[in-house]
Amino acid sequence: MPSTILARLFLAVAVMLAAAGAAPAPAWAQAQDKGEFLFAKPPEGWKLGYQNDEGTQRVREYIPEGEKVEDWTNMIVVQVFGNKGHIAPKDLAAGMFTNYQRGCAKAEFGMKVEGTQNGYDVFSVMIQCKDPKPRADNPNLAPRKLEVNWVKIIRGANTLYVVQRQWRADQPGPDYPLTSRDALKPWAEFMRATELCDVNDIKRTCRFMGHISDLEAQVYARRLPSPYADQACSYFVTLVVRPDPAREMQARAVVPIMLGVDPFLSDDNGKKAFEQVAAQAANNAGVALIFTVGKAATAGLAVDFEKARGQSRAVREALAARGIDAARMVEVFNPACSG
């Protein structure tokens, strides 16, 4: 059973994740099976402290500037296990539980969440270890009396990805993540932003690739004063400009557009918005444009749908004229109104 502190923590994290912004920090990416990329960007000011590639297994350890892998307080560990896609994330976690129970005077587990993200099986858990035994895999690591580890395990097509955010000290302090909301917030944001993506599959709504789900597009569209705002057809089409995964990728931008009587690219506000989109795309950010129609331009559902399609096409052509590869651009029509 989870401890009381971990049970309370679950609600705090749920609130933080619900309030978190849509665009995470720039991505650290690692290509894997069939176009899979793992995005798990350490915070600014962190550095790579250790790495090892052995066969189909890879590990990266990140620590803040000023810390050492032999004596750290905070660490992020990213592990990639090739040819392990047959193992369920919760089964791998069960093995970790056993190791913690053996290696700690007292081990507590909480915030267990099993589900899917971008269509991939995911399991996450928060672990607290009191009085850990010396680690056989790292005998030079300076001992501490208290450890906290938030683990996220993702199962890809043929690979398991394990991301861990860890903290160690001799006693709780201001940076103790189980009692400090300020300390926990960056943990929650990091875990939320960590995701596995298939860059070739638009159906996997990967934020770093600019993808946006129908539900998320509805939320953005309903913030606009459009006559369709309270309908399932609150938007007509999304135009996604995906980043080039061979280059450093930037945070996704979401641009809701309410079309008026004039063509989008001839309107002053439209021109300004387009310049911003073009700059973001040139900077290799994922961009999701959401098209709906304002009251002044409304001419009926079918006509408005074609208007949105036409303006999306015009933006695609204008971006291509700016040198943005057409292969990066994907249109997705709202299933509630695309007819």
Protein backbone atom coordinates (compact mmCIF):
# COMPACT_ATOMS: atom_id res chain seq x y z
CA MET A 1 0.00 0.00 0.00
CA PRO A 2 1.28 3.50 -0.76
CA SER A 3 2.24 5.66 2.19
CA THR A 4 0.02 8.55 3.21
CA ILE A 5 2.50 11.04 1.81
CA LEU A 6 2.55 9.30 -1.57
CA ALA A 7 -1.23 9.08 -1.64
CA ARG A 8 -1.53 12.83 -1.03
CA LEU A 9 1.14 13.44 -3.63
CA PHE A 10 -0.92 11.77 -6.36
CA LEU A 11 -3.60 14.49 -6.16
CA ALA A 12 -0.99 17.26 -6.16
CA VAL A 13 0.64 15.86 -9.28
CA ALA A 14 -2.72 15.46 -11.04
CA VAL A 15 -3.44 19.15 -10.46
CA MET A 16 0.01 20.17 -11.69
CA LEU A 17 -0.28 18.13 -14.88
CA ALA A 18 -3.74 19.48 -15.63
CA ALA A 19 -2.46 23.04 -15.27
CA ALA A 20 0.79 22.53 -17.17
CA GLY A 21 1.31 24.35 -20.47
CA ALA A 22 0.88 22.66 -23.81
CA ALA A 23 4.45 23.01 -25.07
CA PRO A 24 7.32 21.28 -23.30
CA ALA A 25 10.98 22.23 -23.54
CA PRO A 26 13.09 21.36 -26.60
CA ALA A 27 13.57 17.65 -27.01
CA TRP A 28 16.39 15.27 -26.50
CA ALA A 29 15.63 12.54 -29.05
CA GLN A 30 16.97 9.10 -29.77
CA ALA A 31 15.93 7.21 -32.91
CA GLN A 32 14.70 3.68 -32.35
CA ASP A 33 12.60 1.01 -34.06
CA LYS A 34 10.44 1.96 -37.05
CA GLY A 35 10.78 5.71 -36.69
CA GLU A 36 10.43 5.74 -32.89
CA PHE A 37 11.94 8.66 -31.00
CA LEU A 38 12.13 9.01 -27.25
CA PHE A 39 11.82 12.59 -26.03
CA ALA A 40 13.17 13.10 -22.50
CA LYS A 41 14.87 16.47 -22.21
CA PRO A 42 16.77 17.15 -18.96
CA PRO A 43 16.29 20.61 -17.46
CA GLU A 44 18.46 23.53 -18.45
CA GLY A 45 21.78 23.50 -16.62
CA TRP A 46 22.03 19.71 -16.54
CA LYS A 47 24.83 17.75 -18.19
CA LEU A 48 25.52 14.23 -19.38
CA GLY A 49 27.44 12.52 -16.60
CA TYR A 50 27.62 8.97 -17.89
CA GLN A 51 26.71 6.98 -20.98
CA ASN A 52 27.10 3.42 -22.10
CA ASP A 53 25.97 1.50 -25.17
CA GLU A 54 26.19 -2.27 -25.05
CA GLY A 55 24.51 -4.30 -27.76
CA THR A 56 20.87 -3.21 -27.95
CA GLN A 57 20.97 -1.57 -24.52
CA ARG A 58 21.76 2.08 -23.92
CA VAL A 59 21.97 4.21 -20.79
CA ARG A 60 22.38 7.94 -20.24
CA GLU A 61 22.74 9.60 -16.83
CA TYR A 62 22.19 13.35 -16.47
CA ILE A 63 23.07 15.46 -13.42
CA PRO A 64 22.98 19.18 -12.63
CA GLU A 65 26.11 21.22 -13.22
CA GLY A 66 28.31 21.03 -10.14
CA GLU A 67 27.31 17.47 -9.20
CA LYS A 68 29.17 14.23 -9.86
CA VAL A 69 27.91 10.78 -10.77
CA GLU A 70 29.78 9.46 -7.69
CA ASP A 71 28.00 11.90 -5.35
CA TRP A 72 24.77 13.38 -6.68
CA THR A 73 21.55 14.76 -5.23
CA ASN A 74 19.49 14.86 -8.45
CA MET A 75 19.75 12.60 -11.48
CA ILE A 76 17.82 11.64 -14.60
CA VAL A 77 18.46 8.19 -16.03
CA VAL A 78 17.33 7.17 -19.52
CA GLN A 79 17.59 3.48 -20.41
CA VAL A 80 16.75 1.81 -23.71
CA PHE A 81 16.34 -1.96 -23.89
CA GLY A 82 16.18 -3.25 -27.45
CA ASN A 83 14.35 -6.47 -28.31
CA LYS A 84 12.35 -6.26 -25.07
CA GLY A 85 9.01 -5.17 -26.53
CA HIS A 86 7.44 -8.42 -25.36
CA ILE A 87 7.76 -7.31 -21.72
CA ALA A 88 4.85 -5.32 -20.30
CA PRO A 89 5.90 -2.11 -18.51
CA LYS A 90 4.16 -3.16 -15.30
CA ASP A 91 6.06 -6.46 -15.32
CA LEU A 92 9.38 -4.65 -15.57
CA ALA A 93 8.24 -2.38 -12.72
CA ALA A 94 7.43 -5.45 -10.62
CA GLY A 95 11.06 -6.53 -10.95
CA MET A 96 12.17 -3.07 -9.84
CA PHE A 97 9.88 -3.32 -6.80
CA THR A 98 11.56 -6.58 -5.81
CA ASN A 99 15.01 -5.02 -6.12
CA TYR A 100 13.99 -2.05 -3.99
CA GLN A 101 12.49 -4.29 -1.31
CA ARG A 102 15.76 -6.19 -1.16
CA GLY A 103 17.97 -3.14 -1.28
CA CYS A 104 16.19 -0.81 1.15
CA ALA A 105 15.48 -1.02 4.87
CA LYS A 106 12.02 0.24 3.93
CA ALA A 107 10.63 0.70 0.42
CA GLU A 108 7.34 2.46 -0.33
CA PHE A 109 5.52 2.57 -3.65
CA GLY A 110 2.77 4.95 -4.72
CA MET A 111 1.23 6.91 -7.57
CA LYS A 112 1.08 3.78 -9.73
CA VAL A 113 -0.45 4.70 -13.09
CA GLU A 114 -0.99 2.27 -15.95
CA GLY A 115 -2.30 3.43 -19.31
CA THR A 116 -1.29 4.55 -22.78
CA GLN A 117 0.45 7.61 -24.23
CA ASN A 118 0.51 8.23 -27.97
CA GLY A 119 -0.80 4.67 -28.37
CA TYR A 120 2.08 3.11 -26.39
CA ASP A 121 1.69 1.13 -23.15
CA VAL A 122 2.99 3.13 -20.18
CA PHE A 123 3.46 2.42 -16.48
CA SER A 124 4.73 4.95 -13.95
CA VAL A 125 5.36 4.79 -10.22
CA MET A 126 6.93 6.83 -7.43
CA ILE A 127 9.31 4.95 -5.14
CA GLN A 128 10.82 5.98 -1.81
CA CYS A 129 13.75 4.04 -0.35
CA LYS A 130 14.96 4.49 3.23
CA ASP A 131 18.47 3.44 4.25
CA PRO A 132 19.48 1.86 0.92
CA LYS A 133 22.25 -0.71 0.86
CA PRO A 134 25.47 0.06 -1.08
CA ARG A 135 24.88 -0.49 -4.79
CA ALA A 136 26.80 -3.36 -6.33
CA ASP A 137 26.61 -1.74 -9.79
CA ASN A 138 28.15 1.50 -8.48
CA PRO A 139 30.27 0.83 -5.36
CA ASN A 140 31.85 4.31 -5.58
CA LEU A 141 28.49 6.05 -5.09
CA ALA A 142 28.46 7.96 -1.81
CA PRO A 143 25.66 6.55 0.41
CA ARG A 144 22.59 8.54 1.45
CA LYS A 145 19.81 7.66 3.87
CA LEU A 146 16.84 8.59 1.68
CA GLU A 147 16.11 8.16 -2.03
CA VAL A 148 13.11 9.04 -4.19
CA ASN A 149 12.65 7.74 -7.74
CA TRP A 150 9.84 8.54 -10.19
CA VAL A 151 9.91 5.88 -12.90
CA LYS A 152 8.18 5.95 -16.28
CA ILE A 153 8.32 2.83 -18.47
CA ILE A 154 7.14 2.92 -22.10
CA ARG A 155 6.83 -0.06 -24.42
CA GLY A 156 7.62 0.63 -28.06
CA ALA A 157 7.25 -1.69 -31.04
CA ASN A 158 10.24 -3.79 -30.02
CA THR A 159 11.92 -1.75 -27.32
CA LEU A 160 11.40 -0.82 -23.67
CA TYR A 161 12.23 2.73 -22.60
CA VAL A 162 12.80 3.51 -18.91
CA VAL A 163 13.07 7.11 -17.70
CA GLN A 164 13.82 7.85 -14.05
CA ARG A 165 13.96 11.13 -12.14
CA GLN A 166 15.84 10.59 -8.86
CA TRP A 167 16.69 12.47 -5.66
CA ARG A 168 18.94 11.51 -2.72
CA ALA A 169 19.79 13.07 0.65
CA ASP A 170 20.32 12.15 4.27
CA GLN A 171 17.08 13.84 5.33
CA PRO A 172 14.16 15.73 3.78
CA GLY A 173 14.84 19.37 2.93
CA PRO A 174 13.31 22.14 0.81
CA ASP A 175 14.05 20.13 -2.33
CA TYR A 176 12.39 16.94 -1.02
CA PRO A 177 9.87 16.19 -3.81
CA LEU A 178 7.36 14.29 -1.66
CA THR A 179 6.42 17.26 0.51
CA SER A 180 7.40 20.36 -1.51
CA ARG A 181 5.12 21.38 -4.38
CA ASP A 182 7.82 23.72 -5.67
CA ALA A 183 10.30 20.83 -5.77
CA LEU A 184 7.78 18.42 -7.29
CA LYS A 185 6.55 20.73 -10.06
CA PRO A 186 9.58 20.33 -12.38
CA TRP A 187 9.42 16.57 -11.83
CA ALA A 188 5.79 16.50 -12.93
CA GLU A 189 6.48 18.71 -15.95
CA PHE A 190 9.44 16.55 -16.98
CA MET A 191 7.45 13.33 -16.77
CA ARG A 192 4.53 14.86 -18.64
CA ALA A 193 6.80 16.03 -21.44
CA THR A 194 8.62 12.68 -21.68
CA GLU A 195 7.04 10.73 -24.52
CA LEU A 196 7.70 8.13 -27.17
CA CYS A 197 6.77 9.05 -30.71
CA ASP A 198 6.60 7.48 -34.13
CA VAL A 199 7.56 10.30 -36.45
CA ASN A 200 5.94 8.52 -39.39
CA ASP A 201 2.50 8.06 -37.78
CA ILE A 202 0.28 11.15 -37.60
CA LYS A 203 -2.29 9.16 -35.59
CA ARG A 204 0.07 9.14 -32.62
CA THR A 205 -0.51 12.60 -31.20
CA CYS A 206 3.09 13.37 -30.31
CA ARG A 207 3.47 16.92 -29.06
CA PHE A 208 7.09 17.29 -30.11
CA MET A 209 6.14 16.40 -33.68
CA GLY A 210 3.46 19.09 -33.68
CA HIS A 211 0.64 16.54 -33.61
CA ILE A 212 -2.57 17.51 -31.86
CA SER A 213 -5.47 15.30 -30.85
CA ASP A 214 -9.06 16.02 -31.79
CA LEU A 215 -9.89 16.68 -28.13
CA GLU A 216 -7.04 19.16 -27.72
CA ALA A 217 -7.96 20.91 -30.97
CA GLN A 218 -11.55 21.22 -29.70
CA VAL A 219 -10.30 22.87 -26.50
CA TYR A 220 -8.31 25.48 -28.42
CA ALA A 221 -11.08 26.12 -30.98
CA ARG A 222 -13.73 26.64 -28.31
CA ARG A 223 -11.77 29.52 -26.87
CA LEU A 224 -12.49 31.49 -30.05
CA PRO A 225 -15.74 33.48 -30.45
CA SER A 226 -16.84 31.36 -33.39
CA PRO A 227 -20.48 30.36 -33.99
CA TYR A 228 -19.23 26.77 -34.03
CA ALA A 229 -17.53 27.02 -30.63
CA ASP A 230 -20.15 24.95 -28.77
CA GLN A 231 -20.44 22.28 -31.48
CA ALA A 232 -18.54 19.07 -32.17
CA CYS A 233 -17.51 20.81 -35.39
CA SER A 234 -15.78 23.59 -33.41
CA TYR A 235 -12.93 23.51 -35.92
CA PHE A 236 -12.74 22.25 -39.51
CA VAL A 237 -9.14 21.31 -40.18
CA THR A 238 -5.75 21.23 -38.50
CA LEU A 239 -2.54 21.81 -40.43
CA VAL A 240 0.44 20.22 -38.71
CA VAL A 241 3.96 21.30 -39.62
CA ARG A 242 6.24 18.61 -38.25
CA PRO A 243 9.89 19.24 -37.36
CA ASP A 244 12.72 17.49 -39.12
CA PRO A 245 13.86 14.77 -36.65
CA ALA A 246 17.36 14.89 -38.12
CA ARG A 247 17.77 18.41 -36.67
CA GLU A 248 17.41 19.75 -33.14
CA MET A 249 13.70 20.15 -32.49
CA GLN A 250 12.02 22.99 -30.66
CA ALA A 251 8.86 23.14 -28.56
CA ARG A 252 5.51 22.76 -30.29
CA ALA A 253 3.39 25.83 -30.99
CA VAL A 254 -0.41 25.78 -31.33
CA VAL A 255 -2.05 28.49 -33.45
CA PRO A 256 -5.88 28.69 -33.43
CA ILE A 257 -7.16 30.65 -36.47
CA MET A 258 -10.66 32.10 -36.85
CA LEU A 259 -11.15 32.98 -40.50
CA GLY A 260 -12.87 36.19 -41.52
CA VAL A 261 -14.32 37.44 -44.79
CA ASP A 262 -10.93 38.21 -46.33
CA PRO A 263 -8.41 35.48 -47.17
CA PHE A 264 -6.21 34.68 -44.19
CA LEU A 265 -2.96 35.69 -45.88
CA SER A 266 -4.31 39.07 -47.05
CA ASP A 267 -5.55 40.10 -43.60
CA ASP A 268 -3.07 42.11 -41.48
CA ASN A 269 -3.50 39.84 -38.45
CA GLY A 270 -3.26 36.80 -40.70
CA LYS A 271 -0.03 38.05 -42.24
CA LYS A 272 1.46 38.59 -38.79
CA ALA A 273 0.39 35.14 -37.62
CA PHE A 274 1.80 33.55 -40.76
CA GLU A 275 5.19 35.21 -40.25
CA GLN A 276 5.32 33.76 -36.75
CA VAL A 277 4.37 30.31 -38.00
CA ALA A 278 6.96 30.47 -40.78
CA ALA A 279 9.66 31.50 -38.30
CA GLN A 280 8.76 28.68 -35.93
CA ALA A 281 8.75 26.13 -38.74
CA ALA A 282 12.12 27.41 -40.01
CA ASN A 283 13.45 27.01 -36.46
CA ASN A 284 12.37 23.35 -36.64
CA ALA A 285 9.48 23.59 -34.22
CA GLY A 286 6.35 21.53 -34.58
CA VAL A 287 3.37 23.78 -35.30
CA ALA A 288 -0.34 22.93 -35.18
CA LEU A 289 -2.69 25.39 -36.90
CA ILE A 290 -6.40 25.01 -36.11
CA PHE A 291 -8.86 26.54 -38.58
CA THR A 292 -12.42 27.60 -37.82
CA VAL A 293 -14.67 30.34 -39.23
CA GLY A 294 -15.88 33.51 -37.53
CA LYS A 295 -19.48 34.76 -37.46
CA ALA A 296 -18.90 37.50 -40.04
CA ALA A 297 -17.73 34.94 -42.61
CA THR A 298 -20.17 32.13 -41.86
CA ALA A 299 -22.02 30.83 -44.93
CA GLY A 300 -23.18 27.39 -43.79
CA LEU A 301 -21.35 24.30 -42.63
CA ALA A 302 -20.41 22.88 -46.04
CA VAL A 303 -19.23 26.22 -47.42
CA ASP A 304 -17.28 27.05 -44.26
CA PHE A 305 -15.60 23.66 -44.31
CA GLU A 306 -14.40 24.27 -47.87
CA LYS A 307 -13.27 27.76 -46.91
CA ALA A 308 -11.13 26.34 -44.09
CA ARG A 309 -9.68 23.69 -46.41
CA GLY A 310 -8.83 26.32 -48.99
CA GLN A 311 -7.11 28.60 -46.47
CA SER A 312 -5.16 25.66 -45.02
CA ARG A 313 -4.01 24.82 -48.56
CA ALA A 314 -2.96 28.45 -49.11
CA VAL A 315 -0.87 28.39 -45.92
CA ARG A 316 0.78 25.13 -47.01
CA GLU A 317 1.71 26.64 -50.34
CA ALA A 318 3.03 29.83 -48.72
CA LEU A 319 5.17 27.83 -46.29
CA ALA A 320 6.54 25.72 -49.14
CA ALA A 321 7.45 28.96 -50.93
CA ARG A 322 9.45 29.89 -47.82
CA GLY A 323 11.46 26.70 -48.11
CA ILE A 324 9.53 24.52 -45.65
CA ASP A 325 9.55 20.95 -46.97
CA ALA A 326 6.05 19.95 -48.06
CA ALA A 327 6.66 16.49 -46.58
CA ARG A 328 6.64 18.09 -43.14
CA MET A 329 3.05 19.31 -43.56
CA VAL A 330 0.00 17.16 -42.82
CA GLU A 331 -3.69 18.12 -42.89
CA VAL A 332 -6.21 16.43 -40.61
CA PHE A 333 -9.94 17.10 -41.00
CA ASN A 334 -12.32 17.20 -38.05
CA PRO A 335 -14.27 13.93 -38.29
CA ALA A 336 -17.35 15.65 -36.91
CA CYS A 337 -17.69 18.02 -39.86
CA SER A 338 -15.52 16.84 -42.73
CA GLY A 339 -18.43 15.06 -44.34
